[in-house]
N, C-alpha and C. Protein backbone atom coordinates (compact mmCIF):
# COMPACT_ATOMS: atom_id res chain seq x y z
N UNK A 1 59.37 22.22 -73.98
CA UNK A 1 58.42 23.01 -73.13
C UNK A 1 59.10 23.34 -71.81
N UNK A 2 59.10 24.59 -71.40
CA UNK A 2 59.76 25.08 -70.22
C UNK A 2 58.86 24.88 -69.06
N UNK A 3 59.48 24.56 -67.86
CA UNK A 3 58.74 24.48 -66.66
C UNK A 3 59.30 25.55 -65.70
N UNK A 4 58.38 26.26 -64.99
CA UNK A 4 58.84 27.30 -64.16
C UNK A 4 57.91 27.53 -62.93
N UNK A 5 58.57 28.04 -61.83
CA UNK A 5 57.72 28.37 -60.66
C UNK A 5 57.30 29.80 -60.72
N UNK A 6 57.78 30.56 -61.70
CA UNK A 6 57.43 31.95 -61.68
C UNK A 6 55.93 32.21 -61.80
N UNK A 7 55.25 31.30 -62.49
CA UNK A 7 53.81 31.45 -62.67
C UNK A 7 53.06 31.34 -61.34
N UNK A 8 53.69 30.65 -60.38
CA UNK A 8 53.06 30.54 -59.04
C UNK A 8 52.83 31.93 -58.50
N UNK A 9 53.71 32.86 -58.75
CA UNK A 9 53.56 34.22 -58.30
C UNK A 9 52.28 34.83 -58.79
N UNK A 10 52.01 34.61 -60.06
CA UNK A 10 50.77 35.11 -60.72
C UNK A 10 49.58 34.53 -60.02
N UNK A 11 49.61 33.20 -59.78
CA UNK A 11 48.53 32.52 -59.07
C UNK A 11 48.24 33.16 -57.73
N UNK A 12 49.33 33.39 -57.00
CA UNK A 12 49.18 33.87 -55.61
C UNK A 12 48.54 35.25 -55.59
N UNK A 13 49.00 36.11 -56.54
CA UNK A 13 48.43 37.43 -56.59
C UNK A 13 46.99 37.41 -56.89
N UNK A 14 46.60 36.61 -57.84
CA UNK A 14 45.19 36.58 -58.28
C UNK A 14 44.32 35.86 -57.26
N UNK A 15 44.81 34.78 -56.71
CA UNK A 15 43.96 33.96 -55.78
C UNK A 15 43.77 34.64 -54.50
N UNK A 16 44.80 35.42 -54.06
CA UNK A 16 44.64 36.13 -52.78
C UNK A 16 43.87 37.38 -52.90
N UNK A 17 43.68 37.86 -54.16
CA UNK A 17 42.95 39.13 -54.41
C UNK A 17 43.58 40.31 -53.64
N UNK A 18 44.90 40.36 -53.72
CA UNK A 18 45.59 41.43 -53.07
C UNK A 18 45.80 42.55 -54.06
N UNK A 19 45.96 43.73 -53.48
CA UNK A 19 46.38 44.84 -54.31
C UNK A 19 47.80 44.61 -54.89
N UNK A 20 48.02 44.87 -56.14
CA UNK A 20 49.36 44.69 -56.70
C UNK A 20 50.20 45.88 -56.34
N UNK A 21 51.39 45.58 -55.69
CA UNK A 21 52.08 46.54 -54.96
C UNK A 21 53.61 46.75 -55.13
N UNK A 22 54.89 48.35 -53.99
CA UNK A 22 56.26 48.31 -53.37
C UNK A 22 56.95 49.62 -53.31
N UNK A 23 57.90 49.79 -52.46
CA UNK A 23 58.19 51.11 -51.97
C UNK A 23 59.59 51.61 -52.33
N UNK A 24 59.78 52.87 -52.58
CA UNK A 24 61.11 53.39 -52.91
C UNK A 24 61.85 53.81 -51.67
N UNK A 25 61.12 54.20 -50.61
CA UNK A 25 61.74 54.67 -49.42
C UNK A 25 61.00 54.21 -48.19
N UNK A 26 61.72 53.89 -47.08
CA UNK A 26 61.20 53.42 -45.82
C UNK A 26 60.91 54.55 -44.88
N UNK A 27 60.06 54.37 -43.93
CA UNK A 27 59.80 55.34 -42.92
C UNK A 27 60.98 55.29 -41.94
N UNK A 28 61.30 56.35 -41.22
CA UNK A 28 62.49 56.40 -40.31
C UNK A 28 62.38 55.25 -39.27
N UNK A 29 61.14 55.02 -38.80
CA UNK A 29 60.97 54.01 -37.73
C UNK A 29 61.32 52.61 -38.26
N UNK A 30 60.95 52.32 -39.46
CA UNK A 30 61.23 51.04 -40.06
C UNK A 30 62.71 50.99 -40.45
N UNK A 31 63.31 52.05 -40.88
CA UNK A 31 64.72 52.02 -41.24
C UNK A 31 65.65 51.65 -40.07
N UNK A 32 65.20 51.95 -38.83
CA UNK A 32 65.93 51.64 -37.66
C UNK A 32 65.98 50.09 -37.44
N UNK A 33 65.00 49.42 -37.91
CA UNK A 33 64.93 47.96 -37.79
C UNK A 33 65.66 47.25 -38.83
N UNK A 34 66.03 47.86 -39.97
CA UNK A 34 66.48 47.14 -41.16
C UNK A 34 67.92 47.48 -41.43
N UNK A 35 68.69 46.46 -41.85
CA UNK A 35 69.96 46.60 -42.50
C UNK A 35 69.72 46.48 -44.02
N UNK A 36 70.40 47.39 -44.78
CA UNK A 36 70.17 47.39 -46.18
C UNK A 36 70.40 46.05 -46.89
N UNK A 37 69.58 45.72 -47.89
CA UNK A 37 69.77 44.48 -48.60
C UNK A 37 71.05 44.45 -49.45
N UNK A 38 71.54 43.30 -49.66
CA UNK A 38 72.78 43.15 -50.55
C UNK A 38 72.47 42.31 -51.68
N UNK A 39 73.17 42.49 -52.78
CA UNK A 39 72.92 41.67 -53.98
C UNK A 39 73.72 40.36 -53.82
N UNK A 40 73.25 39.34 -54.52
CA UNK A 40 73.96 38.08 -54.50
C UNK A 40 73.57 37.30 -53.27
N UNK A 41 74.00 36.11 -53.21
CA UNK A 41 73.69 35.26 -51.96
C UNK A 41 73.92 33.79 -52.23
N UNK A 42 73.92 33.11 -51.13
CA UNK A 42 74.08 31.62 -51.24
C UNK A 42 72.95 30.99 -50.47
N UNK A 43 72.92 29.66 -50.62
CA UNK A 43 71.85 28.95 -49.93
C UNK A 43 70.66 28.80 -50.83
N UNK A 44 69.53 28.24 -50.22
CA UNK A 44 68.40 27.76 -51.02
C UNK A 44 67.71 29.00 -51.69
N UNK A 45 67.43 29.97 -50.92
CA UNK A 45 66.75 31.20 -51.47
C UNK A 45 67.70 32.14 -52.12
N UNK A 46 68.96 32.18 -51.70
CA UNK A 46 69.86 33.13 -52.25
C UNK A 46 70.09 32.98 -53.74
N UNK A 47 69.89 31.80 -54.26
CA UNK A 47 70.10 31.62 -55.70
C UNK A 47 69.06 32.34 -56.52
N UNK A 48 67.97 32.82 -55.89
CA UNK A 48 66.86 33.53 -56.60
C UNK A 48 67.07 35.04 -56.48
N UNK A 49 68.09 35.56 -55.80
CA UNK A 49 68.33 37.01 -55.68
C UNK A 49 68.49 37.56 -57.15
N UNK A 50 67.83 38.61 -57.42
CA UNK A 50 67.91 39.24 -58.68
C UNK A 50 66.84 38.81 -59.56
N UNK A 51 66.04 37.84 -59.20
CA UNK A 51 64.98 37.33 -60.00
C UNK A 51 63.94 38.40 -60.28
N UNK A 52 63.46 38.58 -61.51
CA UNK A 52 62.47 39.56 -61.87
C UNK A 52 61.36 39.03 -62.80
N UNK A 53 60.17 39.45 -62.57
CA UNK A 53 59.04 39.01 -63.42
C UNK A 53 58.19 40.33 -63.69
N UNK A 54 57.79 40.45 -64.90
CA UNK A 54 56.98 41.67 -65.33
C UNK A 54 55.61 41.11 -65.79
N UNK A 55 54.56 41.68 -65.17
CA UNK A 55 53.15 41.30 -65.59
C UNK A 55 52.47 42.56 -66.26
N UNK A 56 51.74 42.29 -67.31
CA UNK A 56 50.90 43.36 -67.88
C UNK A 56 49.58 43.41 -67.16
N UNK A 57 49.16 44.63 -66.83
CA UNK A 57 47.85 44.87 -66.18
C UNK A 57 46.87 45.19 -67.26
N UNK A 58 45.80 44.40 -67.47
CA UNK A 58 44.87 44.60 -68.57
C UNK A 58 43.45 44.92 -67.93
N UNK A 59 42.73 45.79 -68.63
CA UNK A 59 41.39 46.11 -68.27
C UNK A 59 40.50 46.12 -69.53
N UNK A 60 39.51 45.23 -69.58
CA UNK A 60 38.66 45.12 -70.74
C UNK A 60 39.45 44.96 -72.08
N UNK A 61 40.48 44.16 -71.91
CA UNK A 61 41.26 43.84 -73.17
C UNK A 61 42.34 44.84 -73.55
N UNK A 62 42.47 45.94 -72.69
CA UNK A 62 43.52 46.91 -73.02
C UNK A 62 44.51 46.95 -71.93
N UNK A 63 45.84 47.11 -72.34
CA UNK A 63 46.90 47.25 -71.40
C UNK A 63 46.79 48.64 -70.69
N UNK A 64 46.70 48.63 -69.40
CA UNK A 64 46.61 49.87 -68.68
C UNK A 64 47.85 50.13 -67.75
N UNK A 65 48.76 49.18 -67.73
CA UNK A 65 49.94 49.42 -66.90
C UNK A 65 50.66 48.06 -66.74
N UNK A 66 51.57 48.03 -65.74
CA UNK A 66 52.26 46.79 -65.49
C UNK A 66 52.68 46.69 -63.98
N UNK A 67 52.92 45.47 -63.70
CA UNK A 67 53.39 45.09 -62.30
C UNK A 67 54.72 44.48 -62.44
N UNK A 68 55.60 44.75 -61.51
CA UNK A 68 56.96 44.23 -61.46
C UNK A 68 57.39 43.57 -60.16
N UNK A 69 57.76 42.31 -60.30
CA UNK A 69 58.23 41.55 -59.11
C UNK A 69 59.76 41.52 -59.14
N UNK A 70 60.42 41.67 -57.96
CA UNK A 70 61.86 41.71 -57.91
C UNK A 70 62.26 41.08 -56.55
N UNK A 71 63.02 40.06 -56.58
CA UNK A 71 63.69 39.45 -55.42
C UNK A 71 65.02 40.20 -55.23
N UNK A 72 65.05 41.18 -54.34
CA UNK A 72 66.13 42.14 -54.23
C UNK A 72 67.36 41.49 -53.70
N UNK A 73 67.29 40.87 -52.49
CA UNK A 73 68.49 40.37 -51.90
C UNK A 73 68.28 40.14 -50.35
N UNK A 74 69.42 39.88 -49.68
CA UNK A 74 69.43 39.66 -48.24
C UNK A 74 69.36 40.92 -47.51
N UNK A 75 68.65 40.82 -46.36
CA UNK A 75 68.56 41.98 -45.48
C UNK A 75 68.48 41.47 -44.09
N UNK A 76 68.24 42.34 -43.08
CA UNK A 76 68.09 41.98 -41.72
C UNK A 76 67.04 42.87 -41.07
N UNK A 77 66.18 42.30 -40.22
CA UNK A 77 65.02 43.02 -39.59
C UNK A 77 65.11 42.70 -38.15
N UNK A 78 65.41 43.72 -37.36
CA UNK A 78 65.57 43.55 -35.89
C UNK A 78 66.33 42.35 -35.50
N UNK A 79 67.46 42.21 -36.15
CA UNK A 79 68.38 41.10 -35.81
C UNK A 79 68.07 39.81 -36.48
N UNK A 80 67.04 39.68 -37.21
CA UNK A 80 66.62 38.49 -37.83
C UNK A 80 67.02 38.51 -39.33
N UNK A 81 67.67 37.41 -39.78
CA UNK A 81 68.03 37.36 -41.23
C UNK A 81 66.81 37.29 -42.11
N UNK A 82 66.78 38.09 -43.07
CA UNK A 82 65.55 38.21 -43.92
C UNK A 82 65.94 38.36 -45.40
N UNK A 83 64.93 38.31 -46.19
CA UNK A 83 65.10 38.54 -47.69
C UNK A 83 64.09 39.57 -48.05
N UNK A 84 64.54 40.51 -48.99
CA UNK A 84 63.65 41.58 -49.44
C UNK A 84 62.99 41.28 -50.77
N UNK A 85 61.74 41.22 -50.79
CA UNK A 85 61.04 41.08 -52.04
C UNK A 85 60.28 42.37 -52.40
N UNK A 86 60.35 42.81 -53.62
CA UNK A 86 59.63 44.04 -54.02
C UNK A 86 58.65 43.85 -55.07
N UNK A 87 57.41 44.45 -54.88
CA UNK A 87 56.47 44.37 -55.92
C UNK A 87 55.88 45.71 -56.19
N UNK A 88 55.79 46.05 -57.42
CA UNK A 88 55.37 47.42 -57.77
C UNK A 88 54.37 47.42 -58.97
N UNK A 89 53.32 48.17 -58.78
CA UNK A 89 52.34 48.26 -59.88
C UNK A 89 52.13 49.73 -60.23
N UNK A 90 52.19 49.99 -61.54
CA UNK A 90 51.85 51.28 -61.99
C UNK A 90 50.77 51.22 -63.11
N UNK A 91 49.65 51.88 -62.93
CA UNK A 91 48.63 51.96 -63.94
C UNK A 91 48.20 53.44 -64.06
N UNK A 92 47.25 53.68 -64.87
CA UNK A 92 46.85 55.06 -65.13
C UNK A 92 46.39 55.77 -63.80
N UNK A 93 47.09 56.74 -63.46
CA UNK A 93 46.76 57.64 -62.31
C UNK A 93 46.80 56.87 -60.96
N UNK A 94 47.63 55.80 -60.96
CA UNK A 94 47.72 55.01 -59.68
C UNK A 94 49.06 54.27 -59.65
N UNK A 95 49.65 54.22 -58.48
CA UNK A 95 50.82 53.40 -58.28
C UNK A 95 50.79 52.73 -56.89
N UNK A 96 51.34 51.56 -56.75
CA UNK A 96 51.31 50.90 -55.43
C UNK A 96 52.67 50.18 -55.36
N UNK A 97 53.39 50.54 -54.31
CA UNK A 97 54.75 50.00 -54.14
C UNK A 97 54.88 49.24 -52.78
N UNK A 98 55.45 48.02 -52.74
CA UNK A 98 55.53 47.31 -51.48
C UNK A 98 56.92 46.66 -51.38
N UNK A 99 57.52 46.76 -50.22
CA UNK A 99 58.74 46.12 -49.84
C UNK A 99 58.36 45.06 -48.78
N UNK A 100 58.62 43.83 -49.06
CA UNK A 100 58.18 42.76 -48.11
C UNK A 100 59.50 42.06 -47.59
N UNK A 101 59.67 42.08 -46.28
CA UNK A 101 60.83 41.48 -45.63
C UNK A 101 60.36 40.11 -45.03
N UNK A 102 60.87 39.01 -45.53
CA UNK A 102 60.49 37.71 -45.04
C UNK A 102 61.59 37.03 -44.33
N UNK A 103 61.20 36.29 -43.26
CA UNK A 103 62.20 35.54 -42.50
C UNK A 103 62.76 34.47 -43.40
N UNK A 104 64.16 34.45 -43.41
CA UNK A 104 64.82 33.53 -44.32
C UNK A 104 64.59 32.12 -43.98
N UNK A 105 64.31 31.75 -42.74
CA UNK A 105 64.20 30.36 -42.32
C UNK A 105 62.76 29.92 -42.53
N UNK A 106 61.80 30.72 -42.14
CA UNK A 106 60.39 30.33 -42.21
C UNK A 106 59.62 30.89 -43.47
N UNK A 107 60.20 31.87 -44.08
CA UNK A 107 59.52 32.62 -45.18
C UNK A 107 58.19 33.26 -44.77
N UNK A 108 58.08 33.46 -43.48
CA UNK A 108 56.94 34.25 -42.96
C UNK A 108 57.34 35.79 -42.99
N UNK A 109 56.39 36.69 -43.25
CA UNK A 109 56.68 38.08 -43.25
C UNK A 109 57.08 38.58 -41.86
N UNK A 110 58.05 39.55 -41.88
CA UNK A 110 58.42 40.23 -40.66
C UNK A 110 58.06 41.63 -40.70
N UNK A 111 58.17 42.30 -41.83
CA UNK A 111 57.82 43.69 -42.01
C UNK A 111 57.44 43.97 -43.41
N UNK A 112 56.40 44.77 -43.66
CA UNK A 112 56.03 45.20 -44.95
C UNK A 112 55.95 46.81 -44.95
N UNK A 113 56.52 47.40 -45.91
CA UNK A 113 56.47 48.86 -46.10
C UNK A 113 55.76 49.11 -47.42
N UNK A 114 54.73 49.91 -47.36
CA UNK A 114 53.96 50.10 -48.65
C UNK A 114 53.60 51.59 -48.85
N UNK A 115 53.67 52.03 -50.06
CA UNK A 115 53.19 53.39 -50.43
C UNK A 115 52.21 53.35 -51.61
N UNK A 116 51.07 53.90 -51.35
CA UNK A 116 49.99 53.89 -52.34
C UNK A 116 49.75 55.36 -52.80
N UNK A 117 49.70 55.60 -54.08
CA UNK A 117 49.47 56.95 -54.55
C UNK A 117 48.04 57.33 -54.25
N UNK A 118 47.86 58.58 -53.79
CA UNK A 118 46.54 59.17 -53.62
C UNK A 118 46.60 60.63 -54.18
N UNK A 119 45.41 61.24 -54.37
CA UNK A 119 45.42 62.61 -54.68
C UNK A 119 46.01 63.43 -53.59
N UNK A 120 46.73 64.43 -53.92
CA UNK A 120 47.40 65.41 -53.03
C UNK A 120 48.55 64.77 -52.27
N UNK A 121 48.24 63.63 -51.59
CA UNK A 121 49.28 63.10 -50.68
C UNK A 121 49.24 61.57 -50.66
N UNK A 122 50.36 60.83 -50.87
CA UNK A 122 50.30 59.42 -50.82
C UNK A 122 50.04 58.84 -49.50
N UNK A 123 49.58 57.62 -49.46
CA UNK A 123 49.35 56.90 -48.17
C UNK A 123 50.48 55.91 -47.86
N UNK A 124 51.05 55.95 -46.73
CA UNK A 124 52.14 55.01 -46.35
C UNK A 124 51.57 54.01 -45.31
N UNK A 125 51.83 52.77 -45.56
CA UNK A 125 51.34 51.70 -44.70
C UNK A 125 52.43 50.87 -44.24
N UNK A 126 52.54 50.56 -42.96
CA UNK A 126 53.54 49.74 -42.39
C UNK A 126 52.90 48.54 -41.70
N UNK A 127 53.38 47.33 -42.01
CA UNK A 127 52.82 46.14 -41.34
C UNK A 127 53.98 45.51 -40.48
N UNK A 128 53.82 45.37 -39.21
CA UNK A 128 54.75 44.81 -38.33
C UNK A 128 54.32 43.46 -37.81
N UNK A 129 54.96 42.42 -38.09
CA UNK A 129 54.49 41.04 -37.75
C UNK A 129 55.15 40.47 -36.51
N UNK A 130 54.36 40.01 -35.56
CA UNK A 130 54.87 39.34 -34.37
C UNK A 130 54.43 37.88 -34.56
N UNK A 131 55.33 37.07 -35.22
CA UNK A 131 54.92 35.75 -35.56
C UNK A 131 55.00 34.77 -34.39
N UNK A 132 55.56 35.12 -33.31
CA UNK A 132 55.55 34.30 -32.13
C UNK A 132 54.22 34.33 -31.40
N UNK A 133 53.49 35.46 -31.50
CA UNK A 133 52.21 35.66 -30.83
C UNK A 133 51.05 35.75 -31.83
N UNK A 134 51.48 35.62 -33.16
CA UNK A 134 50.46 35.65 -34.25
C UNK A 134 49.66 36.98 -34.30
N UNK A 135 50.39 38.03 -34.10
CA UNK A 135 49.79 39.40 -34.08
C UNK A 135 50.39 40.29 -35.22
N UNK A 136 49.49 40.94 -35.90
CA UNK A 136 49.94 41.92 -36.90
C UNK A 136 49.51 43.35 -36.54
N UNK A 137 50.46 44.26 -36.54
CA UNK A 137 50.15 45.68 -36.27
C UNK A 137 50.34 46.49 -37.59
N UNK A 138 49.22 47.16 -37.94
CA UNK A 138 49.18 47.88 -39.17
C UNK A 138 49.06 49.41 -38.84
N UNK A 139 50.04 50.16 -39.40
CA UNK A 139 50.05 51.60 -39.17
C UNK A 139 49.90 52.29 -40.44
N UNK A 140 48.89 53.16 -40.60
CA UNK A 140 48.59 53.89 -41.86
C UNK A 140 48.79 55.35 -41.49
N UNK A 141 49.52 56.06 -42.52
CA UNK A 141 49.75 57.46 -42.38
C UNK A 141 49.45 58.16 -43.64
N UNK A 142 48.72 59.22 -43.49
CA UNK A 142 48.41 60.15 -44.60
C UNK A 142 48.26 61.59 -44.08
N UNK A 143 47.10 61.95 -43.82
CA UNK A 143 46.89 63.26 -43.16
C UNK A 143 46.91 63.10 -41.66
N UNK A 144 46.72 61.88 -41.17
CA UNK A 144 46.80 61.51 -39.77
C UNK A 144 47.39 60.15 -39.68
N UNK A 145 47.36 59.59 -38.49
CA UNK A 145 47.92 58.29 -38.22
C UNK A 145 46.86 57.35 -37.65
N UNK A 146 46.77 56.21 -38.19
CA UNK A 146 45.81 55.21 -37.78
C UNK A 146 46.50 53.88 -37.51
N UNK A 147 46.13 53.25 -36.41
CA UNK A 147 46.83 51.98 -35.99
C UNK A 147 45.74 50.90 -35.83
N UNK A 148 45.97 49.74 -36.31
CA UNK A 148 45.11 48.61 -36.26
C UNK A 148 45.91 47.38 -35.92
N UNK A 149 45.27 46.49 -35.11
CA UNK A 149 45.93 45.24 -34.64
C UNK A 149 45.06 44.04 -35.08
N UNK A 150 45.64 43.04 -35.66
CA UNK A 150 44.95 41.87 -36.09
C UNK A 150 45.60 40.62 -35.34
N UNK A 151 44.77 39.86 -34.70
CA UNK A 151 45.25 38.69 -34.05
C UNK A 151 44.74 37.44 -34.77
N UNK A 152 45.67 36.50 -35.00
CA UNK A 152 45.26 35.23 -35.71
C UNK A 152 45.56 34.08 -34.85
N UNK A 153 45.14 32.88 -35.36
CA UNK A 153 45.29 31.68 -34.55
C UNK A 153 46.49 30.84 -34.95
N UNK A 154 47.37 31.45 -35.78
CA UNK A 154 48.59 30.72 -36.19
C UNK A 154 49.48 31.66 -37.02
N UNK A 155 50.57 31.16 -37.51
CA UNK A 155 51.52 32.08 -38.23
C UNK A 155 50.76 32.75 -39.36
N UNK A 156 51.16 34.03 -39.65
CA UNK A 156 50.52 34.82 -40.66
C UNK A 156 51.41 34.80 -41.95
N UNK A 157 50.72 34.56 -43.04
CA UNK A 157 51.48 34.46 -44.28
C UNK A 157 51.31 35.71 -45.11
N UNK A 158 52.16 35.79 -46.12
CA UNK A 158 52.09 36.92 -47.13
C UNK A 158 51.93 36.25 -48.49
N UNK A 159 51.05 36.66 -49.31
CA UNK A 159 50.74 36.04 -50.53
C UNK A 159 51.97 36.03 -51.48
N UNK A 160 52.72 37.06 -51.48
CA UNK A 160 53.88 37.14 -52.44
C UNK A 160 55.08 36.34 -51.95
N UNK A 161 55.01 35.84 -50.72
CA UNK A 161 56.08 34.98 -50.24
C UNK A 161 55.79 33.47 -50.47
N UNK A 162 54.49 33.19 -50.72
CA UNK A 162 54.06 31.85 -50.86
C UNK A 162 54.79 31.02 -51.96
N UNK A 163 55.05 31.67 -53.15
CA UNK A 163 55.76 30.91 -54.16
C UNK A 163 57.09 30.34 -53.67
N UNK A 164 57.83 31.05 -52.79
CA UNK A 164 59.09 30.59 -52.28
C UNK A 164 58.83 29.43 -51.29
N UNK A 165 57.77 29.38 -50.60
CA UNK A 165 57.38 28.27 -49.80
C UNK A 165 57.19 27.02 -50.64
N UNK A 166 56.50 27.29 -51.79
CA UNK A 166 56.25 26.17 -52.68
C UNK A 166 57.55 25.53 -53.29
N UNK A 167 58.51 26.41 -53.45
CA UNK A 167 59.79 25.94 -53.96
C UNK A 167 60.48 24.93 -53.02
N UNK A 168 60.06 24.99 -51.80
CA UNK A 168 60.66 24.14 -50.79
C UNK A 168 59.99 22.72 -50.68
N UNK A 169 58.83 22.66 -51.38
CA UNK A 169 58.14 21.38 -51.38
C UNK A 169 58.90 20.42 -52.29
N UNK A 170 59.37 19.21 -51.67
CA UNK A 170 60.17 18.32 -52.51
C UNK A 170 59.51 17.88 -53.83
N UNK A 171 58.28 17.52 -53.78
CA UNK A 171 57.58 17.02 -54.98
C UNK A 171 56.11 17.57 -54.90
N UNK A 172 55.82 18.48 -55.90
CA UNK A 172 54.45 18.97 -56.00
C UNK A 172 53.66 18.02 -56.83
N UNK A 173 52.69 17.28 -56.18
CA UNK A 173 51.86 16.36 -56.95
C UNK A 173 50.41 16.84 -56.86
N UNK A 174 49.66 16.40 -57.86
CA UNK A 174 48.27 16.72 -57.91
C UNK A 174 47.57 16.36 -56.61
N UNK A 175 46.78 17.28 -56.09
CA UNK A 175 46.08 17.04 -54.81
C UNK A 175 46.83 17.64 -53.65
N UNK A 176 48.12 18.02 -53.75
CA UNK A 176 48.82 18.67 -52.69
C UNK A 176 48.05 19.92 -52.23
N UNK A 177 48.02 20.25 -50.88
CA UNK A 177 47.28 21.31 -50.46
C UNK A 177 47.96 21.94 -49.19
N UNK A 178 47.63 23.20 -48.97
CA UNK A 178 48.17 23.94 -47.74
C UNK A 178 47.19 24.93 -47.30
N UNK A 179 47.14 25.08 -45.98
CA UNK A 179 46.28 26.13 -45.42
C UNK A 179 47.07 27.45 -45.40
N UNK A 180 46.46 28.51 -45.90
CA UNK A 180 47.12 29.82 -46.07
C UNK A 180 46.37 30.76 -45.07
N UNK A 181 47.14 31.42 -44.18
CA UNK A 181 46.56 32.26 -43.15
C UNK A 181 46.93 33.73 -43.48
N UNK A 182 46.21 34.43 -44.21
CA UNK A 182 46.43 35.80 -44.59
C UNK A 182 45.82 36.71 -43.51
N UNK A 183 46.24 37.98 -43.41
CA UNK A 183 45.69 38.83 -42.32
C UNK A 183 44.23 38.95 -42.25
N UNK A 184 43.57 39.00 -43.42
CA UNK A 184 42.10 39.23 -43.43
C UNK A 184 41.25 37.95 -43.82
N UNK A 185 41.89 36.94 -44.17
CA UNK A 185 41.17 35.66 -44.51
C UNK A 185 42.07 34.50 -44.55
N UNK A 186 41.44 33.35 -44.35
CA UNK A 186 42.25 32.04 -44.39
C UNK A 186 41.57 31.15 -45.36
N UNK A 187 42.34 30.40 -46.08
CA UNK A 187 41.70 29.43 -47.05
C UNK A 187 42.84 28.37 -47.41
N UNK A 188 42.43 27.38 -48.07
CA UNK A 188 43.30 26.27 -48.47
C UNK A 188 43.56 26.30 -49.97
N UNK A 189 44.79 26.27 -50.33
CA UNK A 189 45.12 26.18 -51.74
C UNK A 189 45.48 24.73 -52.09
N UNK A 190 45.15 24.42 -53.29
CA UNK A 190 45.37 22.99 -53.74
C UNK A 190 45.97 22.98 -55.19
N UNK A 191 46.93 22.07 -55.34
CA UNK A 191 47.55 21.93 -56.65
C UNK A 191 46.65 21.02 -57.54
N UNK A 192 46.06 21.57 -58.57
CA UNK A 192 45.16 20.89 -59.40
C UNK A 192 45.83 20.06 -60.45
N UNK A 193 46.97 20.56 -60.94
CA UNK A 193 47.69 19.88 -61.94
C UNK A 193 48.61 20.84 -62.69
N UNK A 194 48.98 20.47 -63.90
CA UNK A 194 49.82 21.35 -64.73
C UNK A 194 49.09 21.82 -65.90
N UNK A 195 49.32 23.08 -66.37
CA UNK A 195 48.62 23.59 -67.56
C UNK A 195 49.65 24.20 -68.46
N UNK A 196 49.39 24.16 -69.70
CA UNK A 196 50.28 24.83 -70.67
C UNK A 196 49.80 26.30 -70.80
N UNK A 197 50.71 27.23 -70.61
CA UNK A 197 50.33 28.65 -70.79
C UNK A 197 51.32 29.29 -71.76
N UNK A 198 50.86 30.25 -72.42
CA UNK A 198 51.72 31.06 -73.33
C UNK A 198 51.69 32.49 -73.00
N UNK A 199 52.87 33.00 -72.80
CA UNK A 199 53.08 34.41 -72.38
C UNK A 199 54.11 35.05 -73.37
N UNK A 200 54.36 36.31 -73.35
CA UNK A 200 55.39 36.90 -74.20
C UNK A 200 56.72 36.24 -74.10
N UNK A 201 57.04 35.67 -72.88
CA UNK A 201 58.41 35.04 -72.67
C UNK A 201 58.43 33.66 -73.33
N UNK A 202 57.30 33.10 -73.74
CA UNK A 202 57.30 31.78 -74.40
C UNK A 202 56.19 30.84 -73.80
N UNK A 203 56.24 29.65 -74.16
CA UNK A 203 55.34 28.61 -73.66
C UNK A 203 55.90 27.91 -72.45
N UNK A 204 55.05 27.72 -71.43
CA UNK A 204 55.52 27.04 -70.25
C UNK A 204 54.51 26.01 -69.77
N UNK A 205 55.07 24.94 -69.16
CA UNK A 205 54.20 24.05 -68.43
C UNK A 205 54.20 24.51 -67.00
N UNK A 206 53.09 25.08 -66.54
CA UNK A 206 53.02 25.70 -65.25
C UNK A 206 52.14 24.97 -64.23
N UNK A 207 52.40 25.03 -62.99
CA UNK A 207 51.57 24.44 -61.91
C UNK A 207 50.37 25.33 -61.81
N UNK A 208 49.21 24.66 -61.69
CA UNK A 208 47.92 25.37 -61.54
C UNK A 208 47.28 25.07 -60.17
N UNK A 209 47.04 26.13 -59.50
CA UNK A 209 46.43 26.04 -58.10
C UNK A 209 45.04 26.61 -58.06
N UNK A 210 44.22 26.21 -57.08
CA UNK A 210 43.01 26.81 -56.78
C UNK A 210 42.88 26.93 -55.29
């Protein structure tokens, strides 16, 4: 029986109820902040560069598309060493692409660039995180520009970076829990135990969280 942390990603996506997402191009303002990612790497998270997971998107028992997770590689955002994670979903008449830049030391998000398909013109969304002051600035652009600021009482997490935080836990035991502080909600996740799951890649003994 195989054991893997990849199923944590699926848990995080579902539990956080986030849109499945990732972007092929960055806005000029964001590009100034970023040094291009590079393949390969060393260290704790570097060994996961190149990791990919594909999920089938189903509706009422039918396959309607797929979502793709990709740990792209090392990058830099405003002088801070980061890692680029990409998540992309394509279903009938809809696509959502997201590039997530996480701080290599803390695994907290620094910058998110997202593009969502819409009729006539796509919507571009940029999330800029100030983790020192617990502030998130969201800029949406389509036919016009809209800016929103969210203030939290602690560091702000990103659901798709959480699996890498879990990988740093020395021993995941039943009952382990952590407070998750997402932009629009906060909640506690708990490790319930291990479950056997079967997917096209095979059978796995996976960690189960609620």
